[in-house]
């Protein structure tokens, strides 16, 4: 299915008359991205060698903000505009902490830039829209349903993530636009909440707040990453299960696998800190020191408690660097 083969139901699309800003003009800032990753890249097996999503033009020079997993290890990027043009792009930067990625157009975009908004002021219940590349037919009128912590199995956590509803079917890199027509965040995930007493499922999108970008943007543009010691990376995937934190897998050739950690192991503690939830696990790992710090962990396997030391690394050293064409 191509980007143009689907449409948001008309009942969920925003109506231009409901907005004080020029909705059509704002949506011109949202582009589609198609990214190609080498088959031998570390993330090819988990994220796929071909990735499609969206991005938001934030500088008229052709700088595009997106979600980082779309462009991680991308060798080739094509930017598709609302008026049918295809322009090559370059993966300029990726921030492991926020999850943001930057793409620089390698040709003239000639598109308006969307202004950065004040996402700290966005309140639960506030109306907004989540827009993917492709214009109004790929845009959902929604609202901010919650602001709370998010922890991901891939060694990722945000203290104050946005959750919007109804969910967008093409959320990756979509732009969250507030009532003032300014950019409030970048779509990252779909969260599926099951059932309840009536068996109904409630889906929401997790959105990375735009307030996290201004403090790090100068570094991303200068160095391609934030100029600080990188966080320790274990190459360990984990989840919460019945008030326990359980390992569900390890990255090939990653530190956790080399240390002998296996799927099904329960994490009890990191150093002297007891692990009670997934967010706590990652925070304790990151608080242990920069990348390269040995991470002392206590685990349970087959009802046997054991201690293990994982020699952490900088995750970016395992990733293919983008090539400038």
C-alpha atoms as a PDB file:
ATOM      1  CA  UNK A   1       0.000   0.000   0.000  1.00  0.00           C
ATOM      2  CA  UNK A   2       1.403   3.388  -0.976  1.00  0.00           C
ATOM      3  CA  UNK A   3       0.992   6.618   0.962  1.00  0.00           C
ATOM      4  CA  UNK A   4      -1.908   7.647  -1.280  1.00  0.00           C
ATOM      5  CA  UNK A   5      -3.887   4.380  -1.094  1.00  0.00           C
ATOM      6  CA  UNK A   6      -5.618   5.166   2.191  1.00  0.00           C
ATOM      7  CA  UNK A   7      -7.597   8.009   3.669  1.00  0.00           C
ATOM      8  CA  UNK A   8      -8.715   9.007   7.146  1.00  0.00           C
ATOM      9  CA  UNK A   9     -12.532   8.654   7.334  1.00  0.00           C
ATOM     10  CA  UNK A  10     -14.214  11.951   6.527  1.00  0.00           C
ATOM     11  CA  UNK A  11     -15.894  11.996   9.942  1.00  0.00           C
ATOM     12  CA  UNK A  12     -12.445  12.125  11.618  1.00  0.00           C
ATOM     13  CA  UNK A  13     -10.860  14.718   9.348  1.00  0.00           C
ATOM     14  CA  UNK A  14     -10.622  18.303  10.598  1.00  0.00           C
ATOM     15  CA  UNK A  15     -12.929  20.894   9.059  1.00  0.00           C
ATOM     16  CA  UNK A  16     -11.067  23.996   7.926  1.00  0.00           C
ATOM     17  CA  UNK A  17     -13.845  26.256   9.209  1.00  0.00           C
ATOM     18  CA  UNK A  18     -13.200  25.049  12.782  1.00  0.00           C
ATOM     19  CA  UNK A  19      -9.697  26.559  12.928  1.00  0.00           C
ATOM     20  CA  UNK A  20      -8.539  30.132  13.297  1.00  0.00           C
ATOM     21  CA  UNK A  21      -5.318  29.449  11.379  1.00  0.00           C
ATOM     22  CA  UNK A  22      -4.900  28.513   7.703  1.00  0.00           C
ATOM     23  CA  UNK A  23      -5.171  24.722   7.943  1.00  0.00           C
ATOM     24  CA  UNK A  24      -4.418  24.108   4.273  1.00  0.00           C
ATOM     25  CA  UNK A  25      -1.250  26.186   4.490  1.00  0.00           C
ATOM     26  CA  UNK A  26      -0.113  24.424   7.683  1.00  0.00           C
ATOM     27  CA  UNK A  27      -0.552  20.974   6.113  1.00  0.00           C
ATOM     28  CA  UNK A  28       1.847  21.917   3.315  1.00  0.00           C
ATOM     29  CA  UNK A  29       4.592  21.693   5.963  1.00  0.00           C
ATOM     30  CA  UNK A  30       3.905  17.971   6.483  1.00  0.00           C
ATOM     31  CA  UNK A  31       5.800  15.675   4.108  1.00  0.00           C
ATOM     32  CA  UNK A  32       5.949  11.934   3.522  1.00  0.00           C
ATOM     33  CA  UNK A  33       9.252  10.104   4.021  1.00  0.00           C
ATOM     34  CA  UNK A  34      10.384   6.854   2.480  1.00  0.00           C
ATOM     35  CA  UNK A  35      13.624   5.494   3.910  1.00  0.00           C
ATOM     36  CA  UNK A  36      15.844   2.631   2.768  1.00  0.00           C
ATOM     37  CA  UNK A  37      18.224   0.910   5.171  1.00  0.00           C
ATOM     38  CA  UNK A  38      20.972  -1.587   4.237  1.00  0.00           C
ATOM     39  CA  UNK A  39      19.970  -5.211   4.830  1.00  0.00           C
ATOM     40  CA  UNK A  40      22.978  -5.734   7.112  1.00  0.00           C
ATOM     41  CA  UNK A  41      22.166  -2.743   9.332  1.00  0.00           C
ATOM     42  CA  UNK A  42      21.599  -3.496  13.006  1.00  0.00           C
ATOM     43  CA  UNK A  43      18.022  -2.167  12.942  1.00  0.00           C
ATOM     44  CA  UNK A  44      17.006  -3.814   9.652  1.00  0.00           C
ATOM     45  CA  UNK A  45      15.606  -6.920  11.353  1.00  0.00           C
ATOM     46  CA  UNK A  46      13.585  -5.057  13.993  1.00  0.00           C
ATOM     47  CA  UNK A  47      12.468  -1.936  12.096  1.00  0.00           C
ATOM     48  CA  UNK A  48      12.685  -3.230   8.540  1.00  0.00           C
ATOM     49  CA  UNK A  49      14.911  -2.218   5.613  1.00  0.00           C
ATOM     50  CA  UNK A  50      12.165  -0.020   4.102  1.00  0.00           C
ATOM     51  CA  UNK A  51      10.310   2.474   6.320  1.00  0.00           C
ATOM     52  CA  UNK A  52       7.559   4.939   5.546  1.00  0.00           C
ATOM     53  CA  UNK A  53       6.283   7.788   7.663  1.00  0.00           C
ATOM     54  CA  UNK A  54       6.069  11.545   7.844  1.00  0.00           C
ATOM     55  CA  UNK A  55       8.055  14.602   8.826  1.00  0.00           C
ATOM     56  CA  UNK A  56       7.477  18.293   9.493  1.00  0.00           C
ATOM     57  CA  UNK A  57       9.361  21.128   7.808  1.00  0.00           C
ATOM     58  CA  UNK A  58      10.673  23.288  10.659  1.00  0.00           C
ATOM     59  CA  UNK A  59      13.055  25.504   8.663  1.00  0.00           C
ATOM     60  CA  UNK A  60      12.470  26.790   5.143  1.00  0.00           C
ATOM     61  CA  UNK A  61      16.028  25.703   4.302  1.00  0.00           C
ATOM     62  CA  UNK A  62      14.570  22.198   4.044  1.00  0.00           C
ATOM     63  CA  UNK A  63      15.142  20.966   7.590  1.00  0.00           C
ATOM     64  CA  UNK A  64      12.595  18.304   8.521  1.00  0.00           C
ATOM     65  CA  UNK A  65      11.799  16.966  11.992  1.00  0.00           C
ATOM     66  CA  UNK A  66      10.625  13.367  12.238  1.00  0.00           C
ATOM     67  CA  UNK A  67      10.723  10.400  14.578  1.00  0.00           C
ATOM     68  CA  UNK A  68      14.174   8.893  14.736  1.00  0.00           C
ATOM     69  CA  UNK A  69      13.400   5.240  14.088  1.00  0.00           C
ATOM     70  CA  UNK A  70      12.330   6.078  10.527  1.00  0.00           C
ATOM     71  CA  UNK A  71      15.756   7.427   9.603  1.00  0.00           C
ATOM     72  CA  UNK A  72      18.078   5.380  11.843  1.00  0.00           C
ATOM     73  CA  UNK A  73      20.770   3.859   9.569  1.00  0.00           C
ATOM     74  CA  UNK A  74      18.913   5.131   6.483  1.00  0.00           C
ATOM     75  CA  UNK A  75      21.144   5.134   3.399  1.00  0.00           C
ATOM     76  CA  UNK A  76      18.544   6.631   1.055  1.00  0.00           C
ATOM     77  CA  UNK A  77      15.644   8.955   1.918  1.00  0.00           C
ATOM     78  CA  UNK A  78      12.967  10.309  -0.415  1.00  0.00           C
ATOM     79  CA  UNK A  79      10.815  13.260   0.636  1.00  0.00           C
ATOM     80  CA  UNK A  80       7.381  13.446  -0.988  1.00  0.00           C
ATOM     81  CA  UNK A  81       5.554  16.780  -0.907  1.00  0.00           C
ATOM     82  CA  UNK A  82       1.839  17.585  -0.960  1.00  0.00           C
ATOM     83  CA  UNK A  83       2.089  18.603  -4.618  1.00  0.00           C
ATOM     84  CA  UNK A  84       3.585  15.318  -5.796  1.00  0.00           C
ATOM     85  CA  UNK A  85       7.305  16.149  -5.875  1.00  0.00           C
ATOM     86  CA  UNK A  86       9.985  13.661  -4.762  1.00  0.00           C
ATOM     87  CA  UNK A  87      13.189  15.153  -3.360  1.00  0.00           C
ATOM     88  CA  UNK A  88      16.188  13.272  -1.919  1.00  0.00           C
ATOM     89  CA  UNK A  89      17.059  13.772   1.729  1.00  0.00           C
ATOM     90  CA  UNK A  90      19.894  13.068   4.145  1.00  0.00           C
ATOM     91  CA  UNK A  91      19.597  11.739   7.709  1.00  0.00           C
ATOM     92  CA  UNK A  92      21.216  14.647   9.505  1.00  0.00           C
ATOM     93  CA  UNK A  93      20.811  13.744  13.172  1.00  0.00           C
ATOM     94  CA  UNK A  94      19.224  11.357  15.653  1.00  0.00           C
ATOM     95  CA  UNK A  95      18.729  11.833  19.389  1.00  0.00           C
ATOM     96  CA  UNK A  96      18.428   8.611  21.368  1.00  0.00           C
ATOM     97  CA  UNK A  97      17.034  10.386  24.436  1.00  0.00           C
ATOM     98  CA  UNK A  98      14.015  12.133  22.903  1.00  0.00           C
ATOM     99  CA  UNK A  99      13.605   9.921  19.848  1.00  0.00           C
ATOM    100  CA  UNK A 100      13.688  12.875  17.434  1.00  0.00           C
ATOM    101  CA  UNK A 101      15.378  12.630  14.042  1.00  0.00           C
ATOM    102  CA  UNK A 102      16.340  15.329  11.549  1.00  0.00           C
ATOM    103  CA  UNK A 103      16.359  15.097   7.754  1.00  0.00           C
ATOM    104  CA  UNK A 104      17.876  17.693   5.455  1.00  0.00           C
ATOM    105  CA  UNK A 105      16.383  18.011   1.981  1.00  0.00           C
ATOM    106  CA  UNK A 106      19.085  17.802  -0.707  1.00  0.00           C
ATOM    107  CA  UNK A 107      16.998  19.797  -3.167  1.00  0.00           C
ATOM    108  CA  UNK A 108      14.732  22.813  -2.985  1.00  0.00           C
ATOM    109  CA  UNK A 109      11.597  22.012  -0.996  1.00  0.00           C
ATOM    110  CA  UNK A 110       9.921  25.386  -1.418  1.00  0.00           C
ATOM    111  CA  UNK A 111       7.562  24.599   1.468  1.00  0.00           C
ATOM    112  CA  UNK A 112       6.529  26.690   4.485  1.00  0.00           C
ATOM    113  CA  UNK A 113       8.038  25.878   7.859  1.00  0.00           C
ATOM    114  CA  UNK A 114       5.699  25.142  10.760  1.00  0.00           C
ATOM    115  CA  UNK A 115       6.386  27.263  13.826  1.00  0.00           C
ATOM    116  CA  UNK A 116       7.442  25.518  17.049  1.00  0.00           C
ATOM    117  CA  UNK A 117       4.691  25.798  19.659  1.00  0.00           C
ATOM    118  CA  UNK A 118       4.575  25.831  23.448  1.00  0.00           C
ATOM    119  CA  UNK A 119       3.755  22.204  24.140  1.00  0.00           C
ATOM    120  CA  UNK A 120       4.296  22.687  27.883  1.00  0.00           C
ATOM    121  CA  UNK A 121       1.036  24.661  27.889  1.00  0.00           C
ATOM    122  CA  UNK A 122      -0.964  21.918  26.173  1.00  0.00           C
ATOM    123  CA  UNK A 123      -3.576  20.578  28.614  1.00  0.00           C
ATOM    124  CA  UNK A 124      -5.515  17.337  28.722  1.00  0.00           C
ATOM    125  CA  UNK A 125      -8.674  17.779  26.699  1.00  0.00           C
ATOM    126  CA  UNK A 126      -7.221  20.424  24.385  1.00  0.00           C
ATOM    127  CA  UNK A 127      -8.170  19.901  20.730  1.00  0.00           C
ATOM    128  CA  UNK A 128      -5.423  19.388  18.158  1.00  0.00           C
ATOM    129  CA  UNK A 129      -4.799  17.575  14.898  1.00  0.00           C
ATOM    130  CA  UNK A 130      -2.329  14.823  13.987  1.00  0.00           C
ATOM    131  CA  UNK A 131      -1.233  15.175  10.371  1.00  0.00           C
ATOM    132  CA  UNK A 132       0.638  12.701   8.196  1.00  0.00           C
ATOM    133  CA  UNK A 133       2.053  13.542   4.793  1.00  0.00           C
ATOM    134  CA  UNK A 134      -0.571  13.732   2.096  1.00  0.00           C
ATOM    135  CA  UNK A 135      -2.791  16.601   3.175  1.00  0.00           C
ATOM    136  CA  UNK A 136      -6.231  16.799   4.722  1.00  0.00           C
ATOM    137  CA  UNK A 137      -7.200  13.230   3.814  1.00  0.00           C
ATOM    138  CA  UNK A 138      -4.323  11.988   5.976  1.00  0.00           C
ATOM    139  CA  UNK A 139      -5.135  14.183   8.979  1.00  0.00           C
ATOM    140  CA  UNK A 140      -7.150  13.386  12.113  1.00  0.00           C
ATOM    141  CA  UNK A 141      -8.894  15.874  14.391  1.00  0.00           C
ATOM    142  CA  UNK A 142      -8.141  14.673  17.909  1.00  0.00           C
ATOM    143  CA  UNK A 143      -7.444  15.813  21.445  1.00  0.00           C
ATOM    144  CA  UNK A 144      -4.825  15.384  24.123  1.00  0.00           C
ATOM    145  CA  UNK A 145      -6.103  12.490  26.220  1.00  0.00           C
ATOM    146  CA  UNK A 146      -3.257  12.218  28.746  1.00  0.00           C
ATOM    147  CA  UNK A 147       0.197  13.426  29.757  1.00  0.00           C
ATOM    148  CA  UNK A 148       2.209  10.804  31.599  1.00  0.00           C
ATOM    149  CA  UNK A 149       5.392   8.764  31.573  1.00  0.00           C
ATOM    150  CA  UNK A 150       6.087   6.388  28.731  1.00  0.00           C
ATOM    151  CA  UNK A 151       8.608   3.554  28.911  1.00  0.00           C
ATOM    152  CA  UNK A 152       9.503   1.467  25.865  1.00  0.00           C
ATOM    153  CA  UNK A 153      10.990  -2.003  25.754  1.00  0.00           C
ATOM    154  CA  UNK A 154      13.963  -0.762  23.662  1.00  0.00           C
ATOM    155  CA  UNK A 155      15.699   1.226  26.463  1.00  0.00           C
ATOM    156  CA  UNK A 156      13.627   4.370  26.017  1.00  0.00           C
ATOM    157  CA  UNK A 157      11.558   6.485  28.382  1.00  0.00           C
ATOM    158  CA  UNK A 158       9.924   9.911  28.445  1.00  0.00           C
ATOM    159  CA  UNK A 159       8.908  11.531  31.712  1.00  0.00           C
ATOM    160  CA  UNK A 160       6.055  13.519  30.141  1.00  0.00           C
ATOM    161  CA  UNK A 161       4.743  11.949  26.941  1.00  0.00           C
ATOM    162  CA  UNK A 162       1.573  13.024  25.129  1.00  0.00           C
ATOM    163  CA  UNK A 163      -1.258  10.598  24.379  1.00  0.00           C
ATOM    164  CA  UNK A 164      -3.826  11.604  21.757  1.00  0.00           C
ATOM    165  CA  UNK A 165      -7.121  10.108  20.670  1.00  0.00           C
ATOM    166  CA  UNK A 166      -8.565   8.992  18.296  1.00  0.00           C
ATOM    167  CA  UNK A 167      -5.482   7.195  17.029  1.00  0.00           C
ATOM    168  CA  UNK A 168      -3.930   7.967  13.655  1.00  0.00           C
ATOM    169  CA  UNK A 169      -3.292   4.914  11.429  1.00  0.00           C
ATOM    170  CA  UNK A 170      -0.017   6.377  10.103  1.00  0.00           C
ATOM    171  CA  UNK A 171       1.480   7.879  13.218  1.00  0.00           C
ATOM    172  CA  UNK A 172       5.238   7.654  12.639  1.00  0.00           C
ATOM    173  CA  UNK A 173       6.637  11.165  12.302  1.00  0.00           C
ATOM    174  CA  UNK A 174       3.178  12.763  12.021  1.00  0.00           C
ATOM    175  CA  UNK A 175       2.925  16.354  13.225  1.00  0.00           C
ATOM    176  CA  UNK A 176       0.747  17.256  16.214  1.00  0.00           C
ATOM    177  CA  UNK A 177      -0.620  20.754  15.592  1.00  0.00           C
ATOM    178  CA  UNK A 178      -2.273  22.803  18.323  1.00  0.00           C
ATOM    179  CA  UNK A 179      -5.164  25.255  18.202  1.00  0.00           C
ATOM    180  CA  UNK A 180      -2.758  28.080  17.349  1.00  0.00           C
ATOM    181  CA  UNK A 181      -1.479  26.282  14.235  1.00  0.00           C
ATOM    182  CA  UNK A 182       1.939  25.577  15.776  1.00  0.00           C
ATOM    183  CA  UNK A 183       3.804  22.291  16.095  1.00  0.00           C
ATOM    184  CA  UNK A 184       3.235  20.592  19.463  1.00  0.00           C
ATOM    185  CA  UNK A 185       4.860  17.206  18.943  1.00  0.00           C
ATOM    186  CA  UNK A 186       5.890  14.340  16.684  1.00  0.00           C
ATOM    187  CA  UNK A 187       3.974  11.060  16.485  1.00  0.00           C
ATOM    188  CA  UNK A 188       5.877   8.024  17.707  1.00  0.00           C
ATOM    189  CA  UNK A 189       3.641   5.022  18.453  1.00  0.00           C
ATOM    190  CA  UNK A 190       0.171   3.593  18.659  1.00  0.00           C
ATOM    191  CA  UNK A 191      -0.816   2.346  22.116  1.00  0.00           C
ATOM    192  CA  UNK A 192      -3.480  -0.349  22.179  1.00  0.00           C
ATOM    193  CA  UNK A 193      -5.447  -0.599  25.388  1.00  0.00           C
ATOM    194  CA  UNK A 194      -7.611  -3.666  25.569  1.00  0.00           C
ATOM    195  CA  UNK A 195     -10.899  -4.459  26.585  1.00  0.00           C
ATOM    196  CA  UNK A 196     -12.298  -3.493  29.902  1.00  0.00           C
ATOM    197  CA  UNK A 197     -15.568  -4.992  31.089  1.00  0.00           C
ATOM    198  CA  UNK A 198     -17.245  -4.476  27.701  1.00  0.00           C
ATOM    199  CA  UNK A 199     -14.352  -5.854  25.680  1.00  0.00           C
ATOM    200  CA  UNK A 200     -13.738  -2.619  23.799  1.00  0.00           C
ATOM    201  CA  UNK A 201     -10.269  -1.580  22.707  1.00  0.00           C
ATOM    202  CA  UNK A 202      -9.122   2.018  23.019  1.00  0.00           C
ATOM    203  CA  UNK A 203      -6.244   3.085  20.791  1.00  0.00           C
ATOM    204  CA  UNK A 204      -4.128   6.206  21.310  1.00  0.00           C
ATOM    205  CA  UNK A 205      -1.011   7.671  19.767  1.00  0.00           C
ATOM    206  CA  UNK A 206       2.042   8.438  21.856  1.00  0.00           C
ATOM    207  CA  UNK A 207       3.517  11.767  20.765  1.00  0.00           C
ATOM    208  CA  UNK A 208       6.915  13.220  21.700  1.00  0.00           C
ATOM    209  CA  UNK A 209       6.395  16.818  22.963  1.00  0.00           C
ATOM    210  CA  UNK A 210       8.071  19.506  20.865  1.00  0.00           C
ATOM    211  CA  UNK A 211       9.339  21.289  23.998  1.00  0.00           C
ATOM    212  CA  UNK A 212      12.147  18.722  24.080  1.00  0.00           C
ATOM    213  CA  UNK A 213      13.561  19.969  20.774  1.00  0.00           C
ATOM    214  CA  UNK A 214      14.741  23.611  21.264  1.00  0.00           C
ATOM    215  CA  UNK A 215      17.331  22.809  23.977  1.00  0.00           C
ATOM    216  CA  UNK A 216      19.031  20.186  21.789  1.00  0.00           C
ATOM    217  CA  UNK A 217      18.498  21.536  18.257  1.00  0.00           C
ATOM    218  CA  UNK A 218      21.758  23.553  18.081  1.00  0.00           C
ATOM    219  CA  UNK A 219      23.772  20.440  19.010  1.00  0.00           C
ATOM    220  CA  UNK A 220      21.888  18.259  16.546  1.00  0.00           C
ATOM    221  CA  UNK A 221      22.605  20.714  13.739  1.00  0.00           C
ATOM    222  CA  UNK A 222      26.262  21.065  14.713  1.00  0.00           C
ATOM    223  CA  UNK A 223      27.284  17.561  15.745  1.00  0.00           C
ATOM    224  CA  UNK A 224      24.499  15.260  14.522  1.00  0.00           C
ATOM    225  CA  UNK A 225      23.813  14.329  18.135  1.00  0.00           C
ATOM    226  CA  UNK A 226      23.557  16.020  21.513  1.00  0.00           C
ATOM    227  CA  UNK A 227      26.985  17.064  22.787  1.00  0.00           C
ATOM    228  CA  UNK A 228      27.003  15.178  26.079  1.00  0.00           C
ATOM    229  CA  UNK A 229      28.301  11.783  27.217  1.00  0.00           C
ATOM    230  CA  UNK A 230      26.099   9.100  25.637  1.00  0.00           C
ATOM    231  CA  UNK A 231      23.872   6.960  27.807  1.00  0.00           C
ATOM    232  CA  UNK A 232      24.886   3.384  28.558  1.00  0.00           C
ATOM    233  CA  UNK A 233      23.188   0.892  26.223  1.00  0.00           C
ATOM    234  CA  UNK A 234      22.646  -2.754  27.117  1.00  0.00           C
ATOM    235  CA  UNK A 235      21.017  -4.122  23.985  1.00  0.00           C
ATOM    236  CA  UNK A 236      18.280  -5.576  26.186  1.00  0.00           C
ATOM    237  CA  UNK A 237      14.537  -5.589  25.487  1.00  0.00           C
ATOM    238  CA  UNK A 238      12.250  -5.745  28.516  1.00  0.00           C
ATOM    239  CA  UNK A 239       8.601  -5.451  29.480  1.00  0.00           C
ATOM    240  CA  UNK A 240       6.362  -5.383  32.538  1.00  0.00           C
ATOM    241  CA  UNK A 241       4.466  -8.549  33.412  1.00  0.00           C
ATOM    242  CA  UNK A 242       2.386  -8.903  36.597  1.00  0.00           C
ATOM    243  CA  UNK A 243       4.414  -6.290  38.505  1.00  0.00           C
ATOM    244  CA  UNK A 244       7.660  -7.826  37.318  1.00  0.00           C
ATOM    245  CA  UNK A 245      10.153  -6.575  34.742  1.00  0.00           C
ATOM    246  CA  UNK A 246      11.017  -9.383  32.356  1.00  0.00           C
ATOM    247  CA  UNK A 247      13.622  -9.609  29.596  1.00  0.00           C
ATOM    248  CA  UNK A 248      11.945 -10.445  26.283  1.00  0.00           C
ATOM    249  CA  UNK A 249      15.063 -10.490  24.133  1.00  0.00           C
ATOM    250  CA  UNK A 250      18.540  -9.190  23.501  1.00  0.00           C
ATOM    251  CA  UNK A 251      20.172  -7.508  20.526  1.00  0.00           C
ATOM    252  CA  UNK A 252      22.477  -9.691  18.480  1.00  0.00           C
ATOM    253  CA  UNK A 253      26.069  -9.214  19.631  1.00  0.00           C
ATOM    254  CA  UNK A 254      24.869  -6.621  22.163  1.00  0.00           C
ATOM    255  CA  UNK A 255      26.260  -6.201  25.699  1.00  0.00           C
ATOM    256  CA  UNK A 256      23.356  -8.018  27.415  1.00  0.00           C
ATOM    257  CA  UNK A 257      23.668 -11.039  25.149  1.00  0.00           C
ATOM    258  CA  UNK A 258      27.423 -11.160  25.661  1.00  0.00           C
ATOM    259  CA  UNK A 259      26.817 -11.065  29.421  1.00  0.00           C
ATOM    260  CA  UNK A 260      24.597 -14.157  29.189  1.00  0.00           C
ATOM    261  CA  UNK A 261      21.214 -12.515  29.806  1.00  0.00           C
ATOM    262  CA  UNK A 262      18.352 -14.487  28.257  1.00  0.00           C
ATOM    263  CA  UNK A 263      14.700 -13.957  27.394  1.00  0.00           C
ATOM    264  CA  UNK A 264      12.567 -14.794  30.426  1.00  0.00           C
ATOM    265  CA  UNK A 265      15.046 -13.474  33.000  1.00  0.00           C
ATOM    266  CA  UNK A 266      13.508 -11.205  35.627  1.00  0.00           C
ATOM    267  CA  UNK A 267      15.329  -7.999  36.573  1.00  0.00           C
ATOM    268  CA  UNK A 268      15.341  -7.505  40.349  1.00  0.00           C
ATOM    269  CA  UNK A 269      17.751  -4.628  40.784  1.00  0.00           C
ATOM    270  CA  UNK A 270      20.308  -2.362  39.132  1.00  0.00           C
ATOM    271  CA  UNK A 271      23.138  -1.686  41.541  1.00  0.00           C
ATOM    272  CA  UNK A 272      21.434  -1.051  44.875  1.00  0.00           C
ATOM    273  CA  UNK A 273      18.146   0.100  43.317  1.00  0.00           C
ATOM    274  CA  UNK A 274      15.192  -2.283  43.274  1.00  0.00           C
ATOM    275  CA  UNK A 275      13.469  -2.379  39.890  1.00  0.00           C
ATOM    276  CA  UNK A 276       9.696  -2.002  40.230  1.00  0.00           C
ATOM    277  CA  UNK A 277       8.731  -0.959  36.710  1.00  0.00           C
ATOM    278  CA  UNK A 278      10.151  -0.563  33.217  1.00  0.00           C
ATOM    279  CA  UNK A 279      10.747   3.165  33.496  1.00  0.00           C
ATOM    280  CA  UNK A 280      12.640   2.624  36.724  1.00  0.00           C
ATOM    281  CA  UNK A 281      14.863  -0.002  35.085  1.00  0.00           C
ATOM    282  CA  UNK A 282      16.030   2.364  32.365  1.00  0.00           C
ATOM    283  CA  UNK A 283      16.441   5.333  34.723  1.00  0.00           C
ATOM    284  CA  UNK A 284      18.634   3.285  37.061  1.00  0.00           C
ATOM    285  CA  UNK A 285      20.767   2.091  34.136  1.00  0.00           C
ATOM    286  CA  UNK A 286      21.227   5.631  32.816  1.00  0.00           C
ATOM    287  CA  UNK A 287      22.010   6.973  36.302  1.00  0.00           C
ATOM    288  CA  UNK A 288      24.858   4.461  36.644  1.00  0.00           C
ATOM    289  CA  UNK A 289      27.162   6.543  34.452  1.00  0.00           C
ATOM    290  CA  UNK A 290      27.930   7.196  30.791  1.00  0.00           C
ATOM    291  CA  UNK A 291      28.277   4.604  28.062  1.00  0.00           C
ATOM    292  CA  UNK A 292      31.053   2.165  28.931  1.00  0.00           C
ATOM    293  CA  UNK A 293      30.015   1.957  32.591  1.00  0.00           C
ATOM    294  CA  UNK A 294      29.694  -1.633  33.887  1.00  0.00           C
ATOM    295  CA  UNK A 295      26.067  -2.140  34.940  1.00  0.00           C
ATOM    296  CA  UNK A 296      25.615  -4.433  37.934  1.00  0.00           C
ATOM    297  CA  UNK A 297      22.284  -6.273  37.849  1.00  0.00           C
ATOM    298  CA  UNK A 298      20.552  -8.910  39.936  1.00  0.00           C
ATOM    299  CA  UNK A 299      18.314 -11.292  38.007  1.00  0.00           C
ATOM    300  CA  UNK A 300      16.118 -14.361  38.498  1.00  0.00           C
ATOM    301  CA  UNK A 301      16.101 -17.340  36.127  1.00  0.00           C
ATOM    302  CA  UNK A 302      14.219 -20.556  36.864  1.00  0.00           C
ATOM    303  CA  UNK A 303      13.722 -19.397  40.472  1.00  0.00           C
ATOM    304  CA  UNK A 304      17.474 -18.941  40.908  1.00  0.00           C
ATOM    305  CA  UNK A 305      18.872 -15.512  41.795  1.00  0.00           C
ATOM    306  CA  UNK A 306      22.123 -14.531  40.109  1.00  0.00           C
ATOM    307  CA  UNK A 307      24.235 -11.421  39.608  1.00  0.00           C
ATOM    308  CA  UNK A 308      25.527 -10.250  36.253  1.00  0.00           C
ATOM    309  CA  UNK A 309      27.682  -7.386  35.028  1.00  0.00           C
ATOM    310  CA  UNK A 310      26.801  -5.902  31.657  1.00  0.00           C
ATOM    311  CA  UNK A 311      29.540  -3.854  30.025  1.00  0.00           C
ATOM    312  CA  UNK A 312      27.493  -1.095  28.443  1.00  0.00           C
ATOM    313  CA  UNK A 313      28.372   0.682  25.206  1.00  0.00           C
ATOM    314  CA  UNK A 314      27.315   3.722  23.187  1.00  0.00           C
ATOM    315  CA  UNK A 315      24.486   2.449  20.974  1.00  0.00           C
ATOM    316  CA  UNK A 316      25.502   4.654  18.055  1.00  0.00           C
ATOM    317  CA  UNK A 317      28.758   2.692  17.673  1.00  0.00           C
ATOM    318  CA  UNK A 318      26.647  -0.276  16.516  1.00  0.00           C
ATOM    319  CA  UNK A 319      24.722   1.739  13.924  1.00  0.00           C
ATOM    320  CA  UNK A 320      25.642   2.486  10.336  1.00  0.00           C
ATOM    321  CA  UNK A 321      26.323   6.155   9.782  1.00  0.00           C
ATOM    322  CA  UNK A 322      24.298   7.806   7.001  1.00  0.00           C
ATOM    323  CA  UNK A 323      26.089   8.455   3.725  1.00  0.00           C
ATOM    324  CA  UNK A 324      25.983  11.856   2.093  1.00  0.00           C
ATOM    325  CA  UNK A 325      25.016  11.520  -1.565  1.00  0.00           C
END
